[in-house]
Amino acid sequence: MTQPPKPAVIDLETRERILQTAFEMFGRYGYDGVSIDQISKACGLSKGAMYWYFRNKEALFVECVKRLRKLFVAHIYGPMAGADNPCEQMLKFFQGIESILKDSENLESVSGLLIGVGRVDRDLIKEFRVRARRDAEQFLASILENGRQFKHFRFLGDALPVARALFIVLEGCLVQARSDTAEQTADAVHRLALGFFLACGAKPPAELGYETLASGVPAPIS
């Protein structure tokens, strides 16, 4: 089959359509569960035309993982970085999880890409995943440690294991949302947020409504 001529200018709308389609399909079926041929058909393109936009499937998958990372920056890490103090930053963490759950039309794909649905053992992809997770955990750890230094939080040991636990919370919420209702997941995130602040010796922010929930319950540690 003759390969179609390379376009003089890359069509950004077509590239975006390819990325969005691949994002959904990789998230649902995993890297090994999707072929370039399947993605190209879903986009209404020839397989040859696909390679003008992405040199191979691995490159396309990496771009999808980058898109996932940008999603978390927009919903979680960006708002956290712009908050005024560690308590507000951690509140933004949990609010960001809720925001992703409410805003994403492709929740199954988001959670699938995050946890790595399918068999993905290529070095480039593994390295990118590890680096992205490490950066997120170190960012959370820096906020936690800063909060401890200014006596906003109290916890034992290093901040990094706590940050890792929080990342597991993030993953768990997204995975659970694949089977629970939106209301059930939102309630779970809310309770996890309360649990974090109480466990770390901080009074829960007013937005969490702890005073109302805790009527008749001992006051949180101050």
Protein backbone atom coordinates (compact mmCIF):
# COMPACT_ATOMS: atom_id res chain seq x y z
CA MET A 1 0.00 0.00 0.00
CA THR A 2 1.33 3.43 -0.91
CA GLN A 3 1.87 5.65 2.11
CA PRO A 4 -0.10 8.90 1.89
CA PRO A 5 1.94 12.04 1.27
CA LYS A 6 3.10 13.83 4.38
CA PRO A 7 0.99 16.96 4.98
CA ALA A 8 2.81 20.24 4.54
CA VAL A 9 1.48 21.37 7.92
CA ILE A 10 0.54 19.08 10.78
CA ASP A 11 -3.18 19.44 11.41
CA LEU A 12 -3.47 20.13 15.14
CA GLU A 13 -7.13 19.11 15.24
CA THR A 14 -6.28 15.73 13.74
CA ARG A 15 -3.40 15.27 16.16
CA GLU A 16 -5.71 16.12 19.05
CA ARG A 17 -8.31 13.64 17.78
CA ILE A 18 -5.68 10.92 17.62
CA LEU A 19 -4.47 11.70 21.15
CA GLN A 20 -7.95 11.73 22.64
CA THR A 21 -8.89 8.48 20.93
CA ALA A 22 -5.66 6.80 21.99
CA PHE A 23 -6.07 8.14 25.54
CA GLU A 24 -9.48 6.48 25.80
CA MET A 25 -8.44 3.20 24.19
CA PHE A 26 -5.13 2.75 26.04
CA GLY A 27 -6.87 3.55 29.32
CA ARG A 28 -9.59 0.99 28.72
CA TYR A 29 -7.60 -1.84 27.15
CA GLY A 30 -3.97 -1.23 28.04
CA TYR A 31 -0.91 -0.76 25.86
CA ASP A 32 -0.86 -4.34 24.60
CA GLY A 33 -4.61 -4.43 24.10
CA VAL A 34 -4.64 -1.76 21.40
CA SER A 35 -2.92 -1.57 18.02
CA ILE A 36 -2.07 1.41 15.85
CA ASP A 37 -4.41 -0.05 13.24
CA GLN A 38 -7.32 -0.02 15.72
CA ILE A 39 -6.59 3.54 16.77
CA SER A 40 -6.30 4.74 13.18
CA LYS A 41 -9.65 3.14 12.27
CA ALA A 42 -11.30 4.73 15.30
CA CYS A 43 -9.94 8.10 14.13
CA GLY A 44 -11.01 7.60 10.53
CA LEU A 45 -7.42 7.66 9.29
CA SER A 46 -5.20 5.25 7.43
CA LYS A 47 -2.50 3.48 9.39
CA GLY A 48 0.11 5.18 7.25
CA ALA A 49 -1.27 8.63 8.00
CA MET A 50 -1.01 7.91 11.73
CA TYR A 51 2.76 7.68 11.48
CA TRP A 52 3.03 11.26 10.21
CA TYR A 53 1.77 12.36 13.62
CA PHE A 54 3.42 9.79 15.90
CA ARG A 55 6.44 7.74 14.91
CA ASN A 56 5.21 4.56 16.67
CA LYS A 57 2.77 3.23 19.24
CA GLU A 58 5.18 3.75 22.12
CA ALA A 59 5.57 7.45 21.28
CA LEU A 60 1.79 7.81 21.14
CA PHE A 61 1.39 6.05 24.47
CA VAL A 62 3.98 8.31 26.12
CA GLU A 63 2.05 11.35 24.89
CA CYS A 64 -1.09 9.91 26.48
CA VAL A 65 0.71 9.44 29.80
CA LYS A 66 1.95 13.04 29.53
CA ARG A 67 -1.65 14.11 28.99
CA LEU A 68 -2.62 12.24 32.13
CA ARG A 69 0.10 14.06 34.04
CA LYS A 70 -1.13 17.42 32.76
CA LEU A 71 -4.62 16.50 33.92
CA PHE A 72 -3.35 15.96 37.46
CA VAL A 73 -1.39 19.21 37.36
CA ALA A 74 -4.49 21.11 36.27
CA HIS A 75 -6.82 19.57 38.84
CA ILE A 76 -4.52 18.84 41.80
CA TYR A 77 -0.90 19.94 41.81
CA GLY A 78 -1.39 23.36 40.22
CA PRO A 79 -4.09 24.44 42.72
CA MET A 80 -1.97 23.01 45.56
CA ALA A 81 1.04 25.04 44.47
CA GLY A 82 -1.07 28.20 44.44
CA ALA A 83 -2.53 27.73 47.93
CA ASP A 84 -1.40 29.91 50.84
CA ASN A 85 -0.44 27.35 53.49
CA PRO A 86 0.08 23.59 53.95
CA CYS A 87 -3.41 22.95 55.31
CA GLU A 88 -5.02 24.67 52.35
CA GLN A 89 -2.65 22.84 50.01
CA MET A 90 -3.71 19.46 51.38
CA LEU A 91 -7.35 20.45 51.17
CA LYS A 92 -6.72 21.24 47.49
CA PHE A 93 -5.28 17.74 47.09
CA PHE A 94 -8.56 16.11 48.08
CA GLN A 95 -10.67 18.69 46.28
CA GLY A 96 -8.59 18.01 43.18
CA ILE A 97 -9.41 14.31 43.35
CA GLU A 98 -13.10 15.19 43.52
CA SER A 99 -12.63 17.58 40.61
CA ILE A 100 -11.14 14.86 38.41
CA LEU A 101 -13.95 12.50 39.31
CA LYS A 102 -16.58 15.08 38.43
CA ASP A 103 -14.94 16.63 35.39
CA SER A 104 -13.51 13.71 33.45
CA GLU A 105 -15.76 12.17 30.82
CA ASN A 106 -13.32 9.30 30.48
CA LEU A 107 -12.84 8.22 34.08
CA GLU A 108 -12.24 4.58 33.16
CA SER A 109 -9.45 5.64 30.81
CA VAL A 110 -7.91 8.02 33.36
CA SER A 111 -7.80 5.36 36.05
CA GLY A 112 -6.61 2.73 33.58
CA LEU A 113 -3.66 4.83 32.47
CA LEU A 114 -2.83 5.73 36.06
CA ILE A 115 -2.67 2.17 37.35
CA GLY A 116 -1.31 0.71 34.14
CA VAL A 117 -4.05 -1.50 32.76
CA GLY A 118 -2.49 -4.09 30.49
CA ARG A 119 1.11 -5.22 30.24
CA VAL A 120 3.48 -2.28 29.80
CA ASP A 121 7.09 -3.29 30.34
CA ARG A 122 8.97 -1.12 27.87
CA ASP A 123 11.83 0.78 29.47
CA LEU A 124 10.86 4.22 28.18
CA ILE A 125 7.30 3.90 29.48
CA LYS A 126 8.38 2.41 32.81
CA GLU A 127 10.91 5.19 33.29
CA PHE A 128 8.34 7.88 32.54
CA ARG A 129 5.80 6.37 34.93
CA VAL A 130 8.35 6.04 37.73
CA ARG A 131 9.58 9.60 37.25
CA ALA A 132 6.07 11.04 37.20
CA ARG A 133 5.08 9.21 40.36
CA ARG A 134 8.33 10.11 42.11
CA ASP A 135 7.86 13.79 41.28
CA ALA A 136 4.31 13.73 42.64
CA GLU A 137 5.35 12.00 45.85
CA GLN A 138 8.26 14.39 46.42
CA PHE A 139 5.96 17.37 45.84
CA LEU A 140 3.50 16.03 48.42
CA ALA A 141 6.32 15.22 50.84
CA SER A 142 7.68 18.77 50.63
CA ILE A 143 4.25 20.16 51.56
CA LEU A 144 3.86 17.71 54.41
CA GLU A 145 7.31 18.48 55.80
CA ASN A 146 6.72 22.20 55.51
CA GLY A 147 3.44 21.73 57.36
CA ARG A 148 5.17 19.83 60.12
CA GLN A 149 7.87 22.48 60.52
CA PHE A 150 5.21 25.16 60.96
CA LYS A 151 3.20 22.87 63.29
CA HIS A 152 0.26 22.47 60.95
CA PHE A 153 0.76 18.68 60.87
CA ARG A 154 2.11 16.03 63.18
CA PHE A 155 3.17 12.58 61.99
CA LEU A 156 5.88 10.06 62.78
CA GLY A 157 8.94 9.46 60.65
CA ASP A 158 9.76 10.86 57.23
CA ALA A 159 7.24 12.71 55.11
CA LEU A 160 7.86 10.61 52.00
CA PRO A 161 6.06 7.45 53.20
CA VAL A 162 3.05 9.60 54.09
CA ALA A 163 3.19 11.13 50.60
CA ARG A 164 3.30 7.64 49.09
CA ALA A 165 0.25 6.66 51.11
CA LEU A 166 -1.57 9.72 49.79
CA PHE A 167 -0.71 8.75 46.22
CA ILE A 168 -2.18 5.32 46.91
CA VAL A 169 -5.32 7.10 48.16
CA LEU A 170 -5.45 9.00 44.86
CA GLU A 171 -5.12 5.79 42.85
CA GLY A 172 -7.65 3.98 45.00
CA CYS A 173 -10.28 6.69 44.61
CA LEU A 174 -9.98 6.63 40.83
CA VAL A 175 -10.11 2.86 40.65
CA GLN A 176 -13.07 2.63 43.02
CA ALA A 177 -14.93 5.23 40.98
CA ARG A 178 -15.04 2.74 38.10
CA SER A 179 -17.63 0.69 40.02
CA ASP A 180 -19.15 3.05 42.62
CA THR A 181 -21.60 5.86 41.98
CA ALA A 182 -20.33 9.44 41.84
CA GLU A 183 -22.03 10.13 45.17
CA GLN A 184 -20.38 7.15 46.86
CA THR A 185 -16.95 8.12 45.58
CA ALA A 186 -17.37 11.77 46.58
CA ASP A 187 -18.39 10.67 50.07
CA ALA A 188 -15.33 8.40 50.29
CA VAL A 189 -12.98 11.22 49.24
CA HIS A 190 -14.60 13.52 51.78
CA ARG A 191 -14.12 11.00 54.59
CA LEU A 192 -10.52 10.33 53.55
CA ALA A 193 -9.83 14.05 53.70
CA LEU A 194 -11.25 14.24 57.21
CA GLY A 195 -9.20 11.20 58.18
CA PHE A 196 -6.00 12.77 56.90
CA PHE A 197 -6.41 15.98 58.88
CA LEU A 198 -7.42 14.19 62.06
CA ALA A 199 -4.61 11.62 61.75
CA CYS A 200 -2.01 14.32 61.18
CA GLY A 201 -3.11 16.36 64.17
CA ALA A 202 -4.69 19.20 62.25
CA LYS A 203 -8.14 20.68 62.63
CA PRO A 204 -10.07 19.89 59.43
CA PRO A 205 -10.75 22.97 57.29
CA ALA A 206 -14.24 24.43 57.59
CA GLU A 207 -15.00 23.31 54.01
CA LEU A 208 -15.07 19.70 55.21
CA GLY A 209 -17.89 20.41 57.66
CA TYR A 210 -16.30 18.48 60.51
CA GLU A 211 -17.98 20.48 63.24
CA THR A 212 -21.37 19.37 61.96
CA LEU A 213 -20.38 15.74 61.54
CA ALA A 214 -18.64 15.57 64.87
CA SER A 215 -21.47 16.65 67.14
CA GLY A 216 -21.12 14.44 70.16
CA VAL A 217 -17.64 13.29 69.04
CA PRO A 218 -14.44 14.43 70.81
CA ALA A 219 -12.91 17.53 69.24
CA PRO A 220 -10.00 17.00 66.81
CA ILE A 221 -6.43 17.49 67.99
CA SER A 222 -5.40 21.13 67.83
